[in-house]
Amino acid sequence: MDTQTISIDFPSDIFLALNENENEIKHQIRVALAIRLYRLEKLTIGKAAQIAGLSRFQFETTLSENEIPISNLTIEDVISDIEKLK
């Protein structure tokens, strides 16, 4: 898989204020970005999991912990699908 690197500059005191190291911050940013792009329906759950650096199951668990639905189906969608199956 091809990758590209994106660099973001932070004041060094941010790490001290957050009391976290660079790797922890990178992980949190990746997960937050993945969640945001998933919620905006810019990425599928699988692609968002890739950005987050998590398995699909781990990402779904993260979404659940943040009370974000893993499906965008409405009740109308489900009813329509049931009707089609009859």
PDB file of N, CA and C in Angstrom:
ATOM      1  N   MET A   1       0.842  -1.177   0.000  1.00  0.00           N
ATOM      2  CA  MET A   1       0.000   0.000   0.000  1.00  0.00           C
ATOM      3  C   MET A   1       0.887   1.240   0.000  1.00  0.00           C
ATOM      4  N   ASP A   2       0.634   2.124  -0.944  1.00  0.00           N
ATOM      5  CA  ASP A   2       1.352   3.390  -0.988  1.00  0.00           C
ATOM      6  C   ASP A   2       0.873   4.288   0.133  1.00  0.00           C
ATOM      7  N   THR A   3       1.777   5.038   0.702  1.00  0.00           N
ATOM      8  CA  THR A   3       1.411   6.001   1.740  1.00  0.00           C
ATOM      9  C   THR A   3       2.060   7.344   1.437  1.00  0.00           C
ATOM     10  N   GLN A   4       1.484   8.370   2.002  1.00  0.00           N
ATOM     11  CA  GLN A   4       2.055   9.705   1.955  1.00  0.00           C
ATOM     12  C   GLN A   4       2.137  10.219   3.374  1.00  0.00           C
ATOM     13  N   THR A   5       3.114  11.034   3.627  1.00  0.00           N
ATOM     14  CA  THR A   5       3.293  11.601   4.953  1.00  0.00           C
ATOM     15  C   THR A   5       2.809  13.048   4.958  1.00  0.00           C
ATOM     16  N   ILE A   6       2.047  13.365   5.989  1.00  0.00           N
ATOM     17  CA  ILE A   6       1.596  14.737   6.200  1.00  0.00           C
ATOM     18  C   ILE A   6       2.212  15.196   7.513  1.00  0.00           C
ATOM     19  N   SER A   7       2.812  16.341   7.481  1.00  0.00           N
ATOM     20  CA  SER A   7       3.473  16.872   8.671  1.00  0.00           C
ATOM     21  C   SER A   7       2.668  18.032   9.247  1.00  0.00           C
ATOM     22  N   ILE A   8       2.488  18.008  10.569  1.00  0.00           N
ATOM     23  CA  ILE A   8       1.788  19.093  11.251  1.00  0.00           C
ATOM     24  C   ILE A   8       2.711  19.605  12.359  1.00  0.00           C
ATOM     25  N   ASP A   9       2.913  20.888  12.387  1.00  0.00           N
ATOM     26  CA  ASP A   9       3.775  21.480  13.407  1.00  0.00           C
ATOM     27  C   ASP A   9       2.951  21.910  14.612  1.00  0.00           C
ATOM     28  N   PHE A  10       3.429  21.541  15.794  1.00  0.00           N
ATOM     29  CA  PHE A  10       2.802  21.923  17.056  1.00  0.00           C
ATOM     30  C   PHE A  10       3.842  22.609  17.932  1.00  0.00           C
ATOM     31  N   PRO A  11       3.430  23.592  18.695  1.00  0.00           N
ATOM     32  CA  PRO A  11       4.363  24.153  19.680  1.00  0.00           C
ATOM     33  C   PRO A  11       4.773  23.037  20.649  1.00  0.00           C
ATOM     34  N   SER A  12       6.025  23.012  21.015  1.00  0.00           N
ATOM     35  CA  SER A  12       6.521  21.918  21.854  1.00  0.00           C
ATOM     36  C   SER A  12       5.851  21.867  23.225  1.00  0.00           C
ATOM     37  N   ASP A  13       5.357  23.007  23.709  1.00  0.00           N
ATOM     38  CA  ASP A  13       4.715  22.983  25.021  1.00  0.00           C
ATOM     39  C   ASP A  13       3.349  22.297  25.006  1.00  0.00           C
ATOM     40  N   ILE A  14       2.789  22.049  23.808  1.00  0.00           N
ATOM     41  CA  ILE A  14       1.522  21.321  23.708  1.00  0.00           C
ATOM     42  C   ILE A  14       1.693  19.911  24.262  1.00  0.00           C
ATOM     43  N   PHE A  15       2.812  19.280  23.938  1.00  0.00           N
ATOM     44  CA  PHE A  15       3.066  17.927  24.430  1.00  0.00           C
ATOM     45  C   PHE A  15       3.146  17.907  25.949  1.00  0.00           C
ATOM     46  N   LEU A  16       3.759  18.934  26.505  1.00  0.00           N
ATOM     47  CA  LEU A  16       3.841  19.027  27.967  1.00  0.00           C
ATOM     48  C   LEU A  16       2.463  19.285  28.568  1.00  0.00           C
ATOM     49  N   ALA A  17       1.695  20.171  27.936  1.00  0.00           N
ATOM     50  CA  ALA A  17       0.365  20.500  28.453  1.00  0.00           C
ATOM     51  C   ALA A  17      -0.550  19.281  28.426  1.00  0.00           C
ATOM     52  N   LEU A  18      -0.417  18.470  27.391  1.00  0.00           N
ATOM     53  CA  LEU A  18      -1.255  17.283  27.270  1.00  0.00           C
ATOM     54  C   LEU A  18      -0.691  16.084  28.031  1.00  0.00           C
ATOM     55  N   ASN A  19       0.568  16.200  28.437  1.00  0.00           N
ATOM     56  CA  ASN A  19       1.257  15.131  29.156  1.00  0.00           C
ATOM     57  C   ASN A  19       1.220  13.818  28.365  1.00  0.00           C
ATOM     58  N   GLU A  20       1.462  13.944  27.063  1.00  0.00           N
ATOM     59  CA  GLU A  20       1.483  12.782  26.189  1.00  0.00           C
ATOM     60  C   GLU A  20       2.652  12.911  25.229  1.00  0.00           C
ATOM     61  N   ASN A  21       3.127  11.759  24.764  1.00  0.00           N
ATOM     62  CA  ASN A  21       4.253  11.799  23.840  1.00  0.00           C
ATOM     63  C   ASN A  21       3.774  11.938  22.399  1.00  0.00           C
ATOM     64  N   GLU A  22       4.714  12.115  21.506  1.00  0.00           N
ATOM     65  CA  GLU A  22       4.397  12.359  20.102  1.00  0.00           C
ATOM     66  C   GLU A  22       3.585  11.218  19.486  1.00  0.00           C
ATOM     67  N   ASN A  23       3.925   9.983  19.783  1.00  0.00           N
ATOM     68  CA  ASN A  23       3.202   8.842  19.212  1.00  0.00           C
ATOM     69  C   ASN A  23       1.756   8.790  19.687  1.00  0.00           C
ATOM     70  N   GLU A  24       1.517   9.106  20.947  1.00  0.00           N
ATOM     71  CA  GLU A  24       0.151   9.129  21.472  1.00  0.00           C
ATOM     72  C   GLU A  24      -0.682  10.203  20.772  1.00  0.00           C
ATOM     73  N   ILE A  25      -0.084  11.369  20.584  1.00  0.00           N
ATOM     74  CA  ILE A  25      -0.775  12.471  19.910  1.00  0.00           C
ATOM     75  C   ILE A  25      -1.070  12.101  18.456  1.00  0.00           C
ATOM     76  N   LYS A  26      -0.087  11.504  17.773  1.00  0.00           N
ATOM     77  CA  LYS A  26      -0.293  11.089  16.379  1.00  0.00           C
ATOM     78  C   LYS A  26      -1.471  10.118  16.283  1.00  0.00           C
ATOM     79  N   HIS A  27      -1.509   9.151  17.185  1.00  0.00           N
ATOM     80  CA  HIS A  27      -2.591   8.169  17.170  1.00  0.00           C
ATOM     81  C   HIS A  27      -3.941   8.848  17.391  1.00  0.00           C
ATOM     82  N   GLN A  28      -4.006   9.747  18.354  1.00  0.00           N
ATOM     83  CA  GLN A  28      -5.260  10.444  18.645  1.00  0.00           C
ATOM     84  C   GLN A  28      -5.713  11.281  17.448  1.00  0.00           C
ATOM     85  N   ILE A  29      -4.787  11.922  16.767  1.00  0.00           N
ATOM     86  CA  ILE A  29      -5.122  12.731  15.594  1.00  0.00           C
ATOM     87  C   ILE A  29      -5.638  11.840  14.473  1.00  0.00           C
ATOM     88  N   ARG A  30      -4.974  10.700  14.249  1.00  0.00           N
ATOM     89  CA  ARG A  30      -5.411   9.777  13.194  1.00  0.00           C
ATOM     90  C   ARG A  30      -6.819   9.261  13.474  1.00  0.00           C
ATOM     91  N   VAL A  31      -7.086   8.886  14.725  1.00  0.00           N
ATOM     92  CA  VAL A  31      -8.412   8.365  15.078  1.00  0.00           C
ATOM     93  C   VAL A  31      -9.460   9.469  14.939  1.00  0.00           C
ATOM     94  N   ALA A  32      -9.150  10.663  15.425  1.00  0.00           N
ATOM     95  CA  ALA A  32     -10.101  11.779  15.330  1.00  0.00           C
ATOM     96  C   ALA A  32     -10.402  12.117  13.876  1.00  0.00           C
ATOM     97  N   LEU A  33      -9.377  12.132  13.029  1.00  0.00           N
ATOM     98  CA  LEU A  33      -9.580  12.415  11.608  1.00  0.00           C
ATOM     99  C   LEU A  33     -10.433  11.325  10.961  1.00  0.00           C
ATOM    100  N   ALA A  34     -10.131  10.084  11.266  1.00  0.00           N
ATOM    101  CA  ALA A  34     -10.898   8.967  10.701  1.00  0.00           C
ATOM    102  C   ALA A  34     -12.364   9.046  11.102  1.00  0.00           C
ATOM    103  N   ILE A  35     -12.614   9.327  12.361  1.00  0.00           N
ATOM    104  CA  ILE A  35     -13.995   9.455  12.840  1.00  0.00           C
ATOM    105  C   ILE A  35     -14.696  10.599  12.117  1.00  0.00           C
ATOM    106  N   ARG A  36     -14.028  11.713  12.006  1.00  0.00           N
ATOM    107  CA  ARG A  36     -14.625  12.890  11.347  1.00  0.00           C
ATOM    108  C   ARG A  36     -14.977  12.594   9.886  1.00  0.00           C
ATOM    109  N   LEU A  37     -14.043  11.987   9.149  1.00  0.00           N
ATOM    110  CA  LEU A  37     -14.288  11.687   7.743  1.00  0.00           C
ATOM    111  C   LEU A  37     -15.366  10.626   7.576  1.00  0.00           C
ATOM    112  N   TYR A  38     -15.431   9.685   8.503  1.00  0.00           N
ATOM    113  CA  TYR A  38     -16.496   8.679   8.475  1.00  0.00           C
ATOM    114  C   TYR A  38     -17.857   9.336   8.726  1.00  0.00           C
ATOM    115  N   ARG A  39     -17.924  10.203   9.728  1.00  0.00           N
ATOM    116  CA  ARG A  39     -19.196  10.874  10.053  1.00  0.00           C
ATOM    117  C   ARG A  39     -19.675  11.773   8.913  1.00  0.00           C
ATOM    118  N   LEU A  40     -18.741  12.351   8.169  1.00  0.00           N
ATOM    119  CA  LEU A  40     -19.090  13.195   7.024  1.00  0.00           C
ATOM    120  C   LEU A  40     -19.404  12.358   5.785  1.00  0.00           C
ATOM    121  N   GLU A  41     -19.319  11.040   5.937  1.00  0.00           N
ATOM    122  CA  GLU A  41     -19.558  10.093   4.848  1.00  0.00           C
ATOM    123  C   GLU A  41     -18.594  10.289   3.687  1.00  0.00           C
ATOM    124  N   LYS A  42     -17.390  10.738   4.007  1.00  0.00           N
ATOM    125  CA  LYS A  42     -16.341  10.884   3.001  1.00  0.00           C
ATOM    126  C   LYS A  42     -15.594   9.564   2.812  1.00  0.00           C
ATOM    127  N   LEU A  43     -15.598   8.718   3.850  1.00  0.00           N
ATOM    128  CA  LEU A  43     -14.916   7.427   3.810  1.00  0.00           C
ATOM    129  C   LEU A  43     -15.824   6.321   4.309  1.00  0.00           C
ATOM    130  N   THR A  44     -15.599   5.129   3.774  1.00  0.00           N
ATOM    131  CA  THR A  44     -16.283   3.960   4.307  1.00  0.00           C
ATOM    132  C   THR A  44     -15.682   3.628   5.658  1.00  0.00           C
ATOM    133  N   ILE A  45     -16.351   2.765   6.384  1.00  0.00           N
ATOM    134  CA  ILE A  45     -15.847   2.376   7.703  1.00  0.00           C
ATOM    135  C   ILE A  45     -14.488   1.673   7.581  1.00  0.00           C
ATOM    136  N   GLY A  46     -14.307   0.904   6.502  1.00  0.00           N
ATOM    137  CA  GLY A  46     -13.041   0.211   6.297  1.00  0.00           C
ATOM    138  C   GLY A  46     -11.886   1.158   6.023  1.00  0.00           C
ATOM    139  N   LYS A  47     -12.117   2.153   5.164  1.00  0.00           N
ATOM    140  CA  LYS A  47     -11.079   3.138   4.856  1.00  0.00           C
ATOM    141  C   LYS A  47     -10.779   4.015   6.074  1.00  0.00           C
ATOM    142  N   ALA A  48     -11.814   4.363   6.817  1.00  0.00           N
ATOM    143  CA  ALA A  48     -11.605   5.161   8.032  1.00  0.00           C
ATOM    144  C   ALA A  48     -10.771   4.370   9.034  1.00  0.00           C
ATOM    145  N   ALA A  49     -11.030   3.075   9.142  1.00  0.00           N
ATOM    146  CA  ALA A  49     -10.236   2.229  10.049  1.00  0.00           C
ATOM    147  C   ALA A  49      -8.775   2.228   9.628  1.00  0.00           C
ATOM    148  N   GLN A  50      -8.518   2.211   8.308  1.00  0.00           N
ATOM    149  CA  GLN A  50      -7.138   2.255   7.812  1.00  0.00           C
ATOM    150  C   GLN A  50      -6.446   3.543   8.255  1.00  0.00           C
ATOM    151  N   ILE A  51      -7.125   4.664   8.092  1.00  0.00           N
ATOM    152  CA  ILE A  51      -6.532   5.947   8.503  1.00  0.00           C
ATOM    153  C   ILE A  51      -6.243   5.942  10.001  1.00  0.00           C
ATOM    154  N   ALA A  52      -7.168   5.381  10.769  1.00  0.00           N
ATOM    155  CA  ALA A  52      -7.000   5.340  12.225  1.00  0.00           C
ATOM    156  C   ALA A  52      -5.886   4.385  12.640  1.00  0.00           C
ATOM    157  N   GLY A  53      -5.466   3.506  11.723  1.00  0.00           N
ATOM    158  CA  GLY A  53      -4.447   2.521  12.073  1.00  0.00           C
ATOM    159  C   GLY A  53      -5.009   1.404  12.935  1.00  0.00           C
ATOM    160  N   LEU A  54      -6.304   1.137  12.765  1.00  0.00           N
ATOM    161  CA  LEU A  54      -6.992   0.120  13.559  1.00  0.00           C
ATOM    162  C   LEU A  54      -7.609  -0.918  12.635  1.00  0.00           C
ATOM    163  N   SER A  55      -7.887  -2.096  13.193  1.00  0.00           N
ATOM    164  CA  SER A  55      -8.668  -3.065  12.440  1.00  0.00           C
ATOM    165  C   SER A  55     -10.090  -2.529  12.343  1.00  0.00           C
ATOM    166  N   ARG A  56     -10.860  -3.104  11.438  1.00  0.00           N
ATOM    167  CA  ARG A  56     -12.247  -2.653  11.321  1.00  0.00           C
ATOM    168  C   ARG A  56     -12.997  -2.865  12.636  1.00  0.00           C
ATOM    169  N   PHE A  57     -12.784  -4.017  13.268  1.00  0.00           N
ATOM    170  CA  PHE A  57     -13.444  -4.300  14.543  1.00  0.00           C
ATOM    171  C   PHE A  57     -13.037  -3.281  15.607  1.00  0.00           C
ATOM    172  N   GLN A  58     -11.742  -2.961  15.694  1.00  0.00           N
ATOM    173  CA  GLN A  58     -11.270  -1.977  16.671  1.00  0.00           C
ATOM    174  C   GLN A  58     -11.890  -0.609  16.398  1.00  0.00           C
ATOM    175  N   PHE A  59     -12.000  -0.242  15.098  1.00  0.00           N
ATOM    176  CA  PHE A  59     -12.582   1.048  14.757  1.00  0.00           C
ATOM    177  C   PHE A  59     -14.061   1.078  15.098  1.00  0.00           C
ATOM    178  N   GLU A  60     -14.775  -0.014  14.817  1.00  0.00           N
ATOM    179  CA  GLU A  60     -16.185  -0.080  15.177  1.00  0.00           C
ATOM    180  C   GLU A  60     -16.363   0.034  16.681  1.00  0.00           C
ATOM    181  N   THR A  61     -15.471  -0.576  17.436  1.00  0.00           N
ATOM    182  CA  THR A  61     -15.512  -0.473  18.892  1.00  0.00           C
ATOM    183  C   THR A  61     -15.282   0.976  19.325  1.00  0.00           C
ATOM    184  N   THR A  62     -14.341   1.644  18.686  1.00  0.00           N
ATOM    185  CA  THR A  62     -14.061   3.055  18.986  1.00  0.00           C
ATOM    186  C   THR A  62     -15.282   3.914  18.679  1.00  0.00           C
ATOM    187  N   LEU A  63     -15.931   3.650  17.545  1.00  0.00           N
ATOM    188  CA  LEU A  63     -17.151   4.391  17.212  1.00  0.00           C
ATOM    189  C   LEU A  63     -18.213   4.164  18.275  1.00  0.00           C
ATOM    190  N   SER A  64     -18.388   2.916  18.674  1.00  0.00           N
ATOM    191  CA  SER A  64     -19.382   2.582  19.696  1.00  0.00           C
ATOM    192  C   SER A  64     -19.079   3.294  21.013  1.00  0.00           C
ATOM    193  N   GLU A  65     -17.811   3.317  21.410  1.00  0.00           N
ATOM    194  CA  GLU A  65     -17.414   3.990  22.655  1.00  0.00           C
ATOM    195  C   GLU A  65     -17.712   5.482  22.603  1.00  0.00           C
ATOM    196  N   ASN A  66     -17.726   6.045  21.388  1.00  0.00           N
ATOM    197  CA  ASN A  66     -18.012   7.467  21.198  1.00  0.00           C
ATOM    198  C   ASN A  66     -19.457   7.716  20.784  1.00  0.00           C
ATOM    199  N   GLU A  67     -20.299   6.680  20.925  1.00  0.00           N
ATOM    200  CA  GLU A  67     -21.722   6.755  20.618  1.00  0.00           C
ATOM    201  C   GLU A  67     -21.996   7.220  19.189  1.00  0.00           C
ATOM    202  N   ILE A  68     -21.191   6.691  18.257  1.00  0.00           N
ATOM    203  CA  ILE A  68     -21.352   6.983  16.836  1.00  0.00           C
ATOM    204  C   ILE A  68     -21.857   5.709  16.176  1.00  0.00           C
ATOM    205  N   PRO A  69     -22.994   5.784  15.476  1.00  0.00           N
ATOM    206  CA  PRO A  69     -23.532   4.574  14.844  1.00  0.00           C
ATOM    207  C   PRO A  69     -22.610   4.047  13.751  1.00  0.00           C
ATOM    208  N   ILE A  70     -22.568   2.717  13.624  1.00  0.00           N
ATOM    209  CA  ILE A  70     -21.732   2.117  12.582  1.00  0.00           C
ATOM    210  C   ILE A  70     -22.513   1.901  11.293  1.00  0.00           C
ATOM    211  N   SER A  71     -23.769   2.277  11.291  1.00  0.00           N
ATOM    212  CA  SER A  71     -24.595   2.172  10.098  1.00  0.00           C
ATOM    213  C   SER A  71     -25.382   3.462   9.918  1.00  0.00           C
ATOM    214  N   ASN A  72     -25.527   3.857   8.682  1.00  0.00           N
ATOM    215  CA  ASN A  72     -26.288   5.069   8.373  1.00  0.00           C
ATOM    216  C   ASN A  72     -27.688   4.744   7.864  1.00  0.00           C
ATOM    217  N   LEU A  73     -28.099   3.483   8.021  1.00  0.00           N
ATOM    218  CA  LEU A  73     -29.424   3.084   7.560  1.00  0.00           C
ATOM    219  C   LEU A  73     -30.507   3.744   8.406  1.00  0.00           C
ATOM    220  N   THR A  74     -31.543   4.190   7.719  1.00  0.00           N
ATOM    221  CA  THR A  74     -32.704   4.736   8.420  1.00  0.00           C
ATOM    222  C   THR A  74     -33.754   3.634   8.539  1.00  0.00           C
ATOM    223  N   ILE A  75     -34.763   3.877   9.330  1.00  0.00           N
ATOM    224  CA  ILE A  75     -35.865   2.918   9.464  1.00  0.00           C
ATOM    225  C   ILE A  75     -36.534   2.728   8.103  1.00  0.00           C
ATOM    226  N   GLU A  76     -36.643   3.802   7.339  1.00  0.00           N
ATOM    227  CA  GLU A  76     -37.238   3.722   6.011  1.00  0.00           C
ATOM    228  C   GLU A  76     -36.428   2.806   5.103  1.00  0.00           C
ATOM    229  N   ASP A  77     -35.099   2.860   5.200  1.00  0.00           N
ATOM    230  CA  ASP A  77     -34.239   1.984   4.405  1.00  0.00           C
ATOM    231  C   ASP A  77     -34.507   0.518   4.743  1.00  0.00           C
ATOM    232  N   VAL A  78     -34.608   0.235   6.024  1.00  0.00           N
ATOM    233  CA  VAL A  78     -34.845  -1.140   6.475  1.00  0.00           C
ATOM    234  C   VAL A  78     -36.209  -1.621   5.995  1.00  0.00           C
ATOM    235  N   ILE A  79     -37.242  -0.798   6.142  1.00  0.00           N
ATOM    236  CA  ILE A  79     -38.589  -1.169   5.703  1.00  0.00           C
ATOM    237  C   ILE A  79     -38.603  -1.407   4.192  1.00  0.00           C
ATOM    238  N   SER A  80     -37.929  -0.549   3.455  1.00  0.00           N
ATOM    239  CA  SER A  80     -37.846  -0.704   2.006  1.00  0.00           C
ATOM    240  C   SER A  80     -37.174  -2.023   1.638  1.00  0.00           C
ATOM    241  N   ASP A  81     -36.090  -2.354   2.327  1.00  0.00           N
ATOM    242  CA  ASP A  81     -35.392  -3.617   2.069  1.00  0.00           C
ATOM    243  C   ASP A  81     -36.285  -4.819   2.391  1.00  0.00           C
ATOM    244  N   ILE A  82     -37.049  -4.740   3.467  1.00  0.00           N
ATOM    245  CA  ILE A  82     -37.956  -5.830   3.838  1.00  0.00           C
ATOM    246  C   ILE A  82     -39.008  -6.021   2.754  1.00  0.00           C
ATOM    247  N   GLU A  83     -39.541  -4.911   2.262  1.00  0.00           N
ATOM    248  CA  GLU A  83     -40.561  -4.977   1.207  1.00  0.00           C
ATOM    249  C   GLU A  83     -39.994  -5.613  -0.054  1.00  0.00           C
ATOM    250  N   LYS A  84     -38.757  -5.275  -0.377  1.00  0.00           N
ATOM    251  CA  LYS A  84     -38.118  -5.837  -1.570  1.00  0.00           C
ATOM    252  C   LYS A  84     -37.911  -7.340  -1.451  1.00  0.00           C
ATOM    253  N   LEU A  85     -37.681  -7.807  -0.230  1.00  0.00           N
ATOM    254  CA  LEU A  85     -37.437  -9.239  -0.004  1.00  0.00           C
ATOM    255  C   LEU A  85     -38.709 -10.075  -0.007  1.00  0.00           C
ATOM    256  N   LYS A  86     -39.858  -9.437   0.110  1.00  0.00           N
ATOM    257  CA  LYS A  86     -41.132 -10.186   0.126  1.00  0.00           C
ATOM    258  C   LYS A  86     -41.489 -10.741  -1.220  1.00  0.00           C
TER     259      LYS A  86
END
